[in-house]
Amino acid sequence: MPDKHISSGFDADLEHLSLRFFEMGGLVESQLNDAMEALSRFDMGLVEKVVDEEHRLNAMEVEIDAECGNIIARRQPAASDLRRLMAISKGITNLERAGDEARKIAKRTRRIADDGVGRNVNTAEIQSSGQMAATILHHALAAFARLDTVAAARIMREDEAIDDLYRAFVRKLPTYMAENPRLIASALDYLFIASAIERIGDHAKNLAELVIYVVKGTDVRHVSRERLEREALDD
């Protein structure tokens, strides 16, 4: 747990901000789980739920970002405190974008359902990658809550597994389309869904990188996995 500060007001500000951040994270997790469930059952009620929640997510991003700015202006934090606030500000951007991707999954599911032809496509890789994306998003939020750099580094390997499943599904698409040209539109919708899941994994990875930034003070974006793991494990 982060150390307590002399200013109890500052601690209260950080606590409230963190609660809002994880509330937003929970909403995104729910959106992704609902979107994948909608895809597995072509449940239009869940599709509409995911699409409708986008407005709430956007509002939360604006509110939390404004609160970050206000705390920085009033408290003038330094060092790890400032990094933590900056990480939350960047983190909500990644959460909002992950929510956007969940909405895209839901909207493409609606298109596939309306078309009808693509309902019987084998989407095992998509379902598996969706489950993985939900798992690493949850792990990234947990690592953020504990400021756990070891758990954060582990997420990089988990994200690579999503990338592998994405590539496996993409390799299957030409066969589907060649065997049944009527599937072309739905196959492209599935491709967009697979891409959205892959990007959600990327946003979870970005959250993990922010954990290392807060704790170590090192920007590990765009570095190799090996170097990132060294930064995470270095005392």
C-alpha atoms as a PDB file:
ATOM      1  CA  MET A   1       0.000   0.000   0.000  1.00  0.00           C
ATOM      2  CA  PRO A   2       1.204   3.563  -0.733  1.00  0.00           C
ATOM      3  CA  ASP A   3       2.557   5.475   2.257  1.00  0.00           C
ATOM      4  CA  LYS A   4       0.284   7.874   4.064  1.00  0.00           C
ATOM      5  CA  HIS A   5       0.912  11.572   3.529  1.00  0.00           C
ATOM      6  CA  ILE A   6       1.108  14.402   6.007  1.00  0.00           C
ATOM      7  CA  SER A   7      -1.916  15.909   4.290  1.00  0.00           C
ATOM      8  CA  SER A   8      -4.939  13.765   5.087  1.00  0.00           C
ATOM      9  CA  GLY A   9      -6.820  15.776   2.458  1.00  0.00           C
ATOM     10  CA  PHE A  10      -4.394  14.608  -0.204  1.00  0.00           C
ATOM     11  CA  ASP A  11      -4.846  10.984   0.888  1.00  0.00           C
ATOM     12  CA  ALA A  12      -8.623  11.421   0.682  1.00  0.00           C
ATOM     13  CA  ASP A  13      -8.321  12.913  -2.811  1.00  0.00           C
ATOM     14  CA  LEU A  14      -6.192   9.992  -4.000  1.00  0.00           C
ATOM     15  CA  GLU A  15      -8.517   7.450  -2.428  1.00  0.00           C
ATOM     16  CA  HIS A  16     -11.587   8.952  -4.092  1.00  0.00           C
ATOM     17  CA  LEU A  17      -9.819   9.201  -7.437  1.00  0.00           C
ATOM     18  CA  SER A  18      -8.676   5.581  -7.212  1.00  0.00           C
ATOM     19  CA  LEU A  19     -12.205   4.427  -6.418  1.00  0.00           C
ATOM     20  CA  ARG A  20     -13.513   6.209  -9.517  1.00  0.00           C
ATOM     21  CA  PHE A  21     -10.720   4.741 -11.635  1.00  0.00           C
ATOM     22  CA  PHE A  22     -11.515   1.183 -10.562  1.00  0.00           C
ATOM     23  CA  GLU A  23     -15.238   1.814 -10.940  1.00  0.00           C
ATOM     24  CA  MET A  24     -14.516   2.739 -14.547  1.00  0.00           C
ATOM     25  CA  GLY A  25     -12.337  -0.345 -14.922  1.00  0.00           C
ATOM     26  CA  GLY A  26     -15.148  -2.538 -13.609  1.00  0.00           C
ATOM     27  CA  LEU A  27     -17.543  -1.023 -16.140  1.00  0.00           C
ATOM     28  CA  VAL A  28     -15.159  -1.823 -18.993  1.00  0.00           C
ATOM     29  CA  GLU A  29     -14.752  -5.396 -17.731  1.00  0.00           C
ATOM     30  CA  SER A  30     -18.534  -5.724 -17.689  1.00  0.00           C
ATOM     31  CA  GLN A  31     -18.800  -4.308 -21.209  1.00  0.00           C
ATOM     32  CA  LEU A  32     -16.266  -6.777 -22.566  1.00  0.00           C
ATOM     33  CA  ASN A  33     -17.852  -9.770 -20.834  1.00  0.00           C
ATOM     34  CA  ASP A  34     -21.309  -8.740 -22.066  1.00  0.00           C
ATOM     35  CA  ALA A  35     -20.021  -8.185 -25.608  1.00  0.00           C
ATOM     36  CA  MET A  36     -18.434 -11.642 -25.742  1.00  0.00           C
ATOM     37  CA  GLU A  37     -21.549 -13.250 -24.269  1.00  0.00           C
ATOM     38  CA  ALA A  38     -23.652 -11.410 -26.848  1.00  0.00           C
ATOM     39  CA  LEU A  39     -21.422 -12.804 -29.590  1.00  0.00           C
ATOM     40  CA  SER A  40     -21.622 -16.368 -28.296  1.00  0.00           C
ATOM     41  CA  ARG A  41     -25.447 -16.331 -28.124  1.00  0.00           C
ATOM     42  CA  PHE A  42     -26.300 -13.491 -30.545  1.00  0.00           C
ATOM     43  CA  ASP A  43     -28.124 -11.834 -27.665  1.00  0.00           C
ATOM     44  CA  MET A  44     -29.384  -8.491 -28.941  1.00  0.00           C
ATOM     45  CA  GLY A  45     -30.363  -7.368 -25.454  1.00  0.00           C
ATOM     46  CA  LEU A  46     -26.731  -7.563 -24.371  1.00  0.00           C
ATOM     47  CA  VAL A  47     -25.667  -5.855 -27.587  1.00  0.00           C
ATOM     48  CA  GLU A  48     -27.857  -2.862 -26.777  1.00  0.00           C
ATOM     49  CA  LYS A  49     -26.651  -2.814 -23.175  1.00  0.00           C
ATOM     50  CA  VAL A  50     -23.007  -2.586 -24.262  1.00  0.00           C
ATOM     51  CA  VAL A  51     -23.725   0.131 -26.817  1.00  0.00           C
ATOM     52  CA  ASP A  52     -25.804   2.184 -24.372  1.00  0.00           C
ATOM     53  CA  GLU A  53     -23.142   2.087 -21.622  1.00  0.00           C
ATOM     54  CA  GLU A  54     -20.685   3.913 -23.862  1.00  0.00           C
ATOM     55  CA  HIS A  55     -22.173   7.287 -22.842  1.00  0.00           C
ATOM     56  CA  ARG A  56     -21.601   6.530 -19.165  1.00  0.00           C
ATOM     57  CA  LEU A  57     -18.018   5.490 -19.850  1.00  0.00           C
ATOM     58  CA  ASN A  58     -17.272   8.675 -21.787  1.00  0.00           C
ATOM     59  CA  ALA A  59     -18.693  10.798 -18.978  1.00  0.00           C
ATOM     60  CA  MET A  60     -16.561   8.993 -16.404  1.00  0.00           C
ATOM     61  CA  GLU A  61     -13.405   9.605 -18.416  1.00  0.00           C
ATOM     62  CA  VAL A  62     -14.080  13.345 -18.566  1.00  0.00           C
ATOM     63  CA  GLU A  63     -14.971  13.565 -14.864  1.00  0.00           C
ATOM     64  CA  ILE A  64     -11.971  11.572 -13.622  1.00  0.00           C
ATOM     65  CA  ASP A  65      -9.545  13.452 -15.863  1.00  0.00           C
ATOM     66  CA  ALA A  66     -10.884  16.773 -14.567  1.00  0.00           C
ATOM     67  CA  GLU A  67     -10.477  15.525 -10.996  1.00  0.00           C
ATOM     68  CA  CYS A  68      -6.850  14.566 -11.732  1.00  0.00           C
ATOM     69  CA  GLY A  69      -6.179  18.070 -13.021  1.00  0.00           C
ATOM     70  CA  ASN A  70      -7.796  19.668  -9.994  1.00  0.00           C
ATOM     71  CA  ILE A  71      -5.743  17.591  -7.551  1.00  0.00           C
ATOM     72  CA  ILE A  72      -2.501  18.425  -9.355  1.00  0.00           C
ATOM     73  CA  ALA A  73      -3.371  22.133  -9.337  1.00  0.00           C
ATOM     74  CA  ARG A  74      -4.383  22.212  -5.657  1.00  0.00           C
ATOM     75  CA  ARG A  75      -1.862  19.792  -4.130  1.00  0.00           C
ATOM     76  CA  GLN A  76       1.142  20.213  -6.458  1.00  0.00           C
ATOM     77  CA  PRO A  77       2.340  16.626  -5.920  1.00  0.00           C
ATOM     78  CA  ALA A  78       5.842  15.473  -6.814  1.00  0.00           C
ATOM     79  CA  ALA A  79       7.718  12.245  -7.541  1.00  0.00           C
ATOM     80  CA  SER A  80       5.664   9.055  -7.173  1.00  0.00           C
ATOM     81  CA  ASP A  81       2.504  10.952  -6.201  1.00  0.00           C
ATOM     82  CA  LEU A  82       2.587  12.909  -9.437  1.00  0.00           C
ATOM     83  CA  ARG A  83       3.362   9.764 -11.423  1.00  0.00           C
ATOM     84  CA  ARG A  84       0.384   8.036  -9.847  1.00  0.00           C
ATOM     85  CA  LEU A  85      -1.945  10.840 -10.861  1.00  0.00           C
ATOM     86  CA  MET A  86      -0.529  10.911 -14.367  1.00  0.00           C
ATOM     87  CA  ALA A  87      -0.905   7.125 -14.602  1.00  0.00           C
ATOM     88  CA  ILE A  88      -4.569   7.366 -13.641  1.00  0.00           C
ATOM     89  CA  SER A  89      -5.099  10.091 -16.247  1.00  0.00           C
ATOM     90  CA  LYS A  90      -3.466   7.946 -18.937  1.00  0.00           C
ATOM     91  CA  GLY A  91      -5.119   4.815 -17.602  1.00  0.00           C
ATOM     92  CA  ILE A  92      -8.653   6.126 -18.035  1.00  0.00           C
ATOM     93  CA  THR A  93      -7.851   6.915 -21.668  1.00  0.00           C
ATOM     94  CA  ASN A  94      -6.906   3.274 -22.174  1.00  0.00           C
ATOM     95  CA  LEU A  95     -10.036   2.132 -20.352  1.00  0.00           C
ATOM     96  CA  GLU A  96     -12.245   4.362 -22.491  1.00  0.00           C
ATOM     97  CA  ARG A  97     -10.640   3.033 -25.658  1.00  0.00           C
ATOM     98  CA  ALA A  98     -11.044  -0.552 -24.461  1.00  0.00           C
ATOM     99  CA  GLY A  99     -14.720   0.249 -23.894  1.00  0.00           C
ATOM    100  CA  ASP A 100     -14.906   1.578 -27.450  1.00  0.00           C
ATOM    101  CA  GLU A 101     -13.567  -1.742 -28.690  1.00  0.00           C
ATOM    102  CA  ALA A 102     -16.182  -3.652 -26.666  1.00  0.00           C
ATOM    103  CA  ARG A 103     -18.863  -1.490 -28.285  1.00  0.00           C
ATOM    104  CA  LYS A 104     -17.435  -2.347 -31.719  1.00  0.00           C
ATOM    105  CA  ILE A 105     -17.677  -6.051 -30.867  1.00  0.00           C
ATOM    106  CA  ALA A 106     -21.334  -5.578 -29.938  1.00  0.00           C
ATOM    107  CA  LYS A 107     -22.176  -3.597 -33.080  1.00  0.00           C
ATOM    108  CA  ARG A 108     -20.463  -6.125 -35.364  1.00  0.00           C
ATOM    109  CA  THR A 109     -22.331  -8.916 -33.552  1.00  0.00           C
ATOM    110  CA  ARG A 110     -25.576  -7.170 -34.438  1.00  0.00           C
ATOM    111  CA  ARG A 111     -24.535  -7.043 -38.112  1.00  0.00           C
ATOM    112  CA  ILE A 112     -23.660 -10.746 -38.142  1.00  0.00           C
ATOM    113  CA  ALA A 113     -26.984 -11.618 -36.511  1.00  0.00           C
ATOM    114  CA  ASP A 114     -28.919  -9.498 -38.997  1.00  0.00           C
ATOM    115  CA  ASP A 115     -27.105 -11.080 -41.940  1.00  0.00           C
ATOM    116  CA  GLY A 116     -27.711 -14.579 -40.593  1.00  0.00           C
ATOM    117  CA  VAL A 117     -25.203 -16.362 -42.824  1.00  0.00           C
ATOM    118  CA  GLY A 118     -22.245 -15.996 -40.455  1.00  0.00           C
ATOM    119  CA  ARG A 119     -23.864 -17.458 -37.352  1.00  0.00           C
ATOM    120  CA  ASN A 120     -22.324 -20.881 -37.968  1.00  0.00           C
ATOM    121  CA  VAL A 121     -18.717 -19.748 -38.479  1.00  0.00           C
ATOM    122  CA  ASN A 122     -16.255 -21.501 -36.148  1.00  0.00           C
ATOM    123  CA  THR A 123     -15.085 -18.694 -33.859  1.00  0.00           C
ATOM    124  CA  ALA A 124     -13.148 -20.745 -31.311  1.00  0.00           C
ATOM    125  CA  GLU A 125     -10.092 -18.494 -31.575  1.00  0.00           C
ATOM    126  CA  ILE A 126     -12.202 -15.372 -31.141  1.00  0.00           C
ATOM    127  CA  GLN A 127     -13.952 -16.755 -28.066  1.00  0.00           C
ATOM    128  CA  SER A 128     -10.642 -17.856 -26.547  1.00  0.00           C
ATOM    129  CA  SER A 129      -8.975 -14.533 -27.258  1.00  0.00           C
ATOM    130  CA  GLY A 130     -11.961 -12.685 -25.787  1.00  0.00           C
ATOM    131  CA  GLN A 131     -11.651 -14.691 -22.570  1.00  0.00           C
ATOM    132  CA  MET A 132      -7.927 -13.957 -22.480  1.00  0.00           C
ATOM    133  CA  ALA A 133      -8.518 -10.243 -23.028  1.00  0.00           C
ATOM    134  CA  ALA A 134     -10.998 -10.170 -20.147  1.00  0.00           C
ATOM    135  CA  THR A 135      -8.502 -12.017 -17.954  1.00  0.00           C
ATOM    136  CA  ILE A 136      -5.536  -9.760 -18.647  1.00  0.00           C
ATOM    137  CA  LEU A 137      -7.671  -6.641 -18.276  1.00  0.00           C
ATOM    138  CA  HIS A 138      -8.670  -7.913 -14.832  1.00  0.00           C
ATOM    139  CA  HIS A 139      -5.054  -8.757 -14.022  1.00  0.00           C
ATOM    140  CA  ALA A 140      -3.904  -5.312 -15.167  1.00  0.00           C
ATOM    141  CA  LEU A 141      -6.440  -3.572 -12.930  1.00  0.00           C
ATOM    142  CA  ALA A 142      -5.430  -5.790 -10.005  1.00  0.00           C
ATOM    143  CA  ALA A 143      -1.748  -4.998 -10.602  1.00  0.00           C
ATOM    144  CA  PHE A 144      -2.639  -1.299 -10.726  1.00  0.00           C
ATOM    145  CA  ALA A 145      -4.493  -1.569  -7.425  1.00  0.00           C
ATOM    146  CA  ARG A 146      -1.535  -3.259  -5.701  1.00  0.00           C
ATOM    147  CA  LEU A 147       1.164  -1.420  -7.699  1.00  0.00           C
ATOM    148  CA  ASP A 148       2.548  -4.893  -8.386  1.00  0.00           C
ATOM    149  CA  THR A 149       5.307  -4.645 -10.990  1.00  0.00           C
ATOM    150  CA  VAL A 150       5.884  -8.407 -11.169  1.00  0.00           C
ATOM    151  CA  ALA A 151       2.232  -9.034 -12.046  1.00  0.00           C
ATOM    152  CA  ALA A 152       2.381  -6.155 -14.514  1.00  0.00           C
ATOM    153  CA  ALA A 153       5.350  -7.695 -16.334  1.00  0.00           C
ATOM    154  CA  ARG A 154       3.561 -11.039 -16.553  1.00  0.00           C
ATOM    155  CA  ILE A 155       0.761  -9.389 -18.552  1.00  0.00           C
ATOM    156  CA  MET A 156       3.115  -8.831 -21.478  1.00  0.00           C
ATOM    157  CA  ARG A 157       3.367 -12.572 -22.032  1.00  0.00           C
ATOM    158  CA  GLU A 158      -0.384 -12.990 -21.714  1.00  0.00           C
ATOM    159  CA  ASP A 159      -0.967 -10.343 -24.382  1.00  0.00           C
ATOM    160  CA  GLU A 160       1.255 -12.240 -26.814  1.00  0.00           C
ATOM    161  CA  ALA A 161      -1.103 -15.230 -26.553  1.00  0.00           C
ATOM    162  CA  ILE A 162      -3.990 -13.028 -27.733  1.00  0.00           C
ATOM    163  CA  ASP A 163      -1.910 -11.897 -30.686  1.00  0.00           C
ATOM    164  CA  ASP A 164      -1.232 -15.535 -31.603  1.00  0.00           C
ATOM    165  CA  LEU A 165      -4.953 -16.390 -31.581  1.00  0.00           C
ATOM    166  CA  TYR A 166      -5.725 -13.321 -33.667  1.00  0.00           C
ATOM    167  CA  ARG A 167      -3.231 -14.390 -36.303  1.00  0.00           C
ATOM    168  CA  ALA A 168      -4.598 -17.952 -36.276  1.00  0.00           C
ATOM    169  CA  PHE A 169      -8.125 -16.715 -36.962  1.00  0.00           C
ATOM    170  CA  VAL A 170      -6.975 -14.366 -39.718  1.00  0.00           C
ATOM    171  CA  ARG A 171      -5.300 -17.305 -41.473  1.00  0.00           C
ATOM    172  CA  LYS A 172      -8.629 -19.178 -41.520  1.00  0.00           C
ATOM    173  CA  LEU A 173     -10.675 -16.380 -43.082  1.00  0.00           C
ATOM    174  CA  PRO A 174      -9.648 -16.841 -46.741  1.00  0.00           C
ATOM    175  CA  THR A 175     -10.754 -20.489 -46.555  1.00  0.00           C
ATOM    176  CA  TYR A 176     -14.179 -19.521 -45.197  1.00  0.00           C
ATOM    177  CA  MET A 177     -14.663 -16.901 -47.873  1.00  0.00           C
ATOM    178  CA  ALA A 178     -13.477 -19.155 -50.704  1.00  0.00           C
ATOM    179  CA  GLU A 179     -15.789 -21.993 -49.654  1.00  0.00           C
ATOM    180  CA  ASN A 180     -18.840 -19.748 -49.310  1.00  0.00           C
ATOM    181  CA  PRO A 181     -18.716 -16.262 -50.899  1.00  0.00           C
ATOM    182  CA  ARG A 182     -21.942 -15.377 -49.058  1.00  0.00           C
ATOM    183  CA  LEU A 183     -19.847 -15.394 -45.860  1.00  0.00           C
ATOM    184  CA  ILE A 184     -17.577 -12.573 -46.997  1.00  0.00           C
ATOM    185  CA  ALA A 185     -19.484  -9.776 -45.222  1.00  0.00           C
ATOM    186  CA  SER A 186     -19.753 -11.719 -41.955  1.00  0.00           C
ATOM    187  CA  ALA A 187     -16.136 -12.860 -42.197  1.00  0.00           C
ATOM    188  CA  LEU A 188     -15.045  -9.237 -42.370  1.00  0.00           C
ATOM    189  CA  ASP A 189     -17.229  -8.456 -39.350  1.00  0.00           C
ATOM    190  CA  TYR A 190     -15.522 -11.273 -37.464  1.00  0.00           C
ATOM    191  CA  LEU A 191     -12.166  -9.848 -38.518  1.00  0.00           C
ATOM    192  CA  PHE A 192     -13.140  -6.491 -36.990  1.00  0.00           C
ATOM    193  CA  ILE A 193     -14.193  -8.284 -33.802  1.00  0.00           C
ATOM    194  CA  ALA A 194     -10.897 -10.168 -33.593  1.00  0.00           C
ATOM    195  CA  SER A 195      -9.018  -6.901 -34.142  1.00  0.00           C
ATOM    196  CA  ALA A 196     -11.041  -5.194 -31.396  1.00  0.00           C
ATOM    197  CA  ILE A 197     -10.176  -7.977 -28.941  1.00  0.00           C
ATOM    198  CA  GLU A 198      -6.508  -7.731 -29.861  1.00  0.00           C
ATOM    199  CA  ARG A 199      -6.580  -3.984 -29.188  1.00  0.00           C
ATOM    200  CA  ILE A 200      -8.245  -4.515 -25.799  1.00  0.00           C
ATOM    201  CA  GLY A 201      -5.274  -6.704 -24.937  1.00  0.00           C
ATOM    202  CA  ASP A 202      -2.994  -3.849 -25.995  1.00  0.00           C
ATOM    203  CA  HIS A 203      -4.832  -1.428 -23.706  1.00  0.00           C
ATOM    204  CA  ALA A 204      -4.493  -3.863 -20.799  1.00  0.00           C
ATOM    205  CA  LYS A 205      -0.778  -4.061 -21.561  1.00  0.00           C
ATOM    206  CA  ASN A 206      -0.605  -0.258 -21.501  1.00  0.00           C
ATOM    207  CA  LEU A 207      -2.160  -0.264 -18.027  1.00  0.00           C
ATOM    208  CA  ALA A 208       0.500  -2.724 -16.900  1.00  0.00           C
ATOM    209  CA  GLU A 209       3.247  -0.478 -18.264  1.00  0.00           C
ATOM    210  CA  LEU A 210       1.803   2.398 -16.227  1.00  0.00           C
ATOM    211  CA  VAL A 211       2.190   0.328 -13.049  1.00  0.00           C
ATOM    212  CA  ILE A 212       5.919   0.024 -13.712  1.00  0.00           C
ATOM    213  CA  TYR A 213       6.085   3.744 -14.459  1.00  0.00           C
ATOM    214  CA  VAL A 214       4.474   4.628 -11.115  1.00  0.00           C
ATOM    215  CA  VAL A 215       6.672   2.345  -9.043  1.00  0.00           C
ATOM    216  CA  LYS A 216       9.999   2.591 -10.866  1.00  0.00           C
ATOM    217  CA  GLY A 217       9.731   6.011 -12.477  1.00  0.00           C
ATOM    218  CA  THR A 218      10.720   4.445 -15.807  1.00  0.00           C
ATOM    219  CA  ASP A 219       8.801   4.828 -19.063  1.00  0.00           C
ATOM    220  CA  VAL A 220       8.749   1.300 -20.504  1.00  0.00           C
ATOM    221  CA  ARG A 221       6.599   1.986 -23.533  1.00  0.00           C
ATOM    222  CA  HIS A 222       8.070   0.683 -26.783  1.00  0.00           C
ATOM    223  CA  VAL A 223      10.824  -1.313 -25.067  1.00  0.00           C
ATOM    224  CA  SER A 224      11.462  -5.029 -25.466  1.00  0.00           C
ATOM    225  CA  ARG A 225       9.682  -7.474 -23.182  1.00  0.00           C
ATOM    226  CA  GLU A 226      13.033  -8.558 -21.768  1.00  0.00           C
ATOM    227  CA  ARG A 227      13.964  -5.016 -20.755  1.00  0.00           C
ATOM    228  CA  LEU A 228      10.504  -4.397 -19.327  1.00  0.00           C
ATOM    229  CA  GLU A 229      10.779  -7.508 -17.181  1.00  0.00           C
ATOM    230  CA  ARG A 230      14.200  -6.406 -15.947  1.00  0.00           C
ATOM    231  CA  GLU A 231      12.769  -3.025 -14.942  1.00  0.00           C
ATOM    232  CA  ALA A 232       9.851  -4.702 -13.162  1.00  0.00           C
ATOM    233  CA  LEU A 233      12.012  -7.115 -11.197  1.00  0.00           C
ATOM    234  CA  ASP A 234      14.916  -4.767 -10.419  1.00  0.00           C
ATOM    235  CA  ASP A 235      14.945  -3.635  -6.756  1.00  0.00           C
END
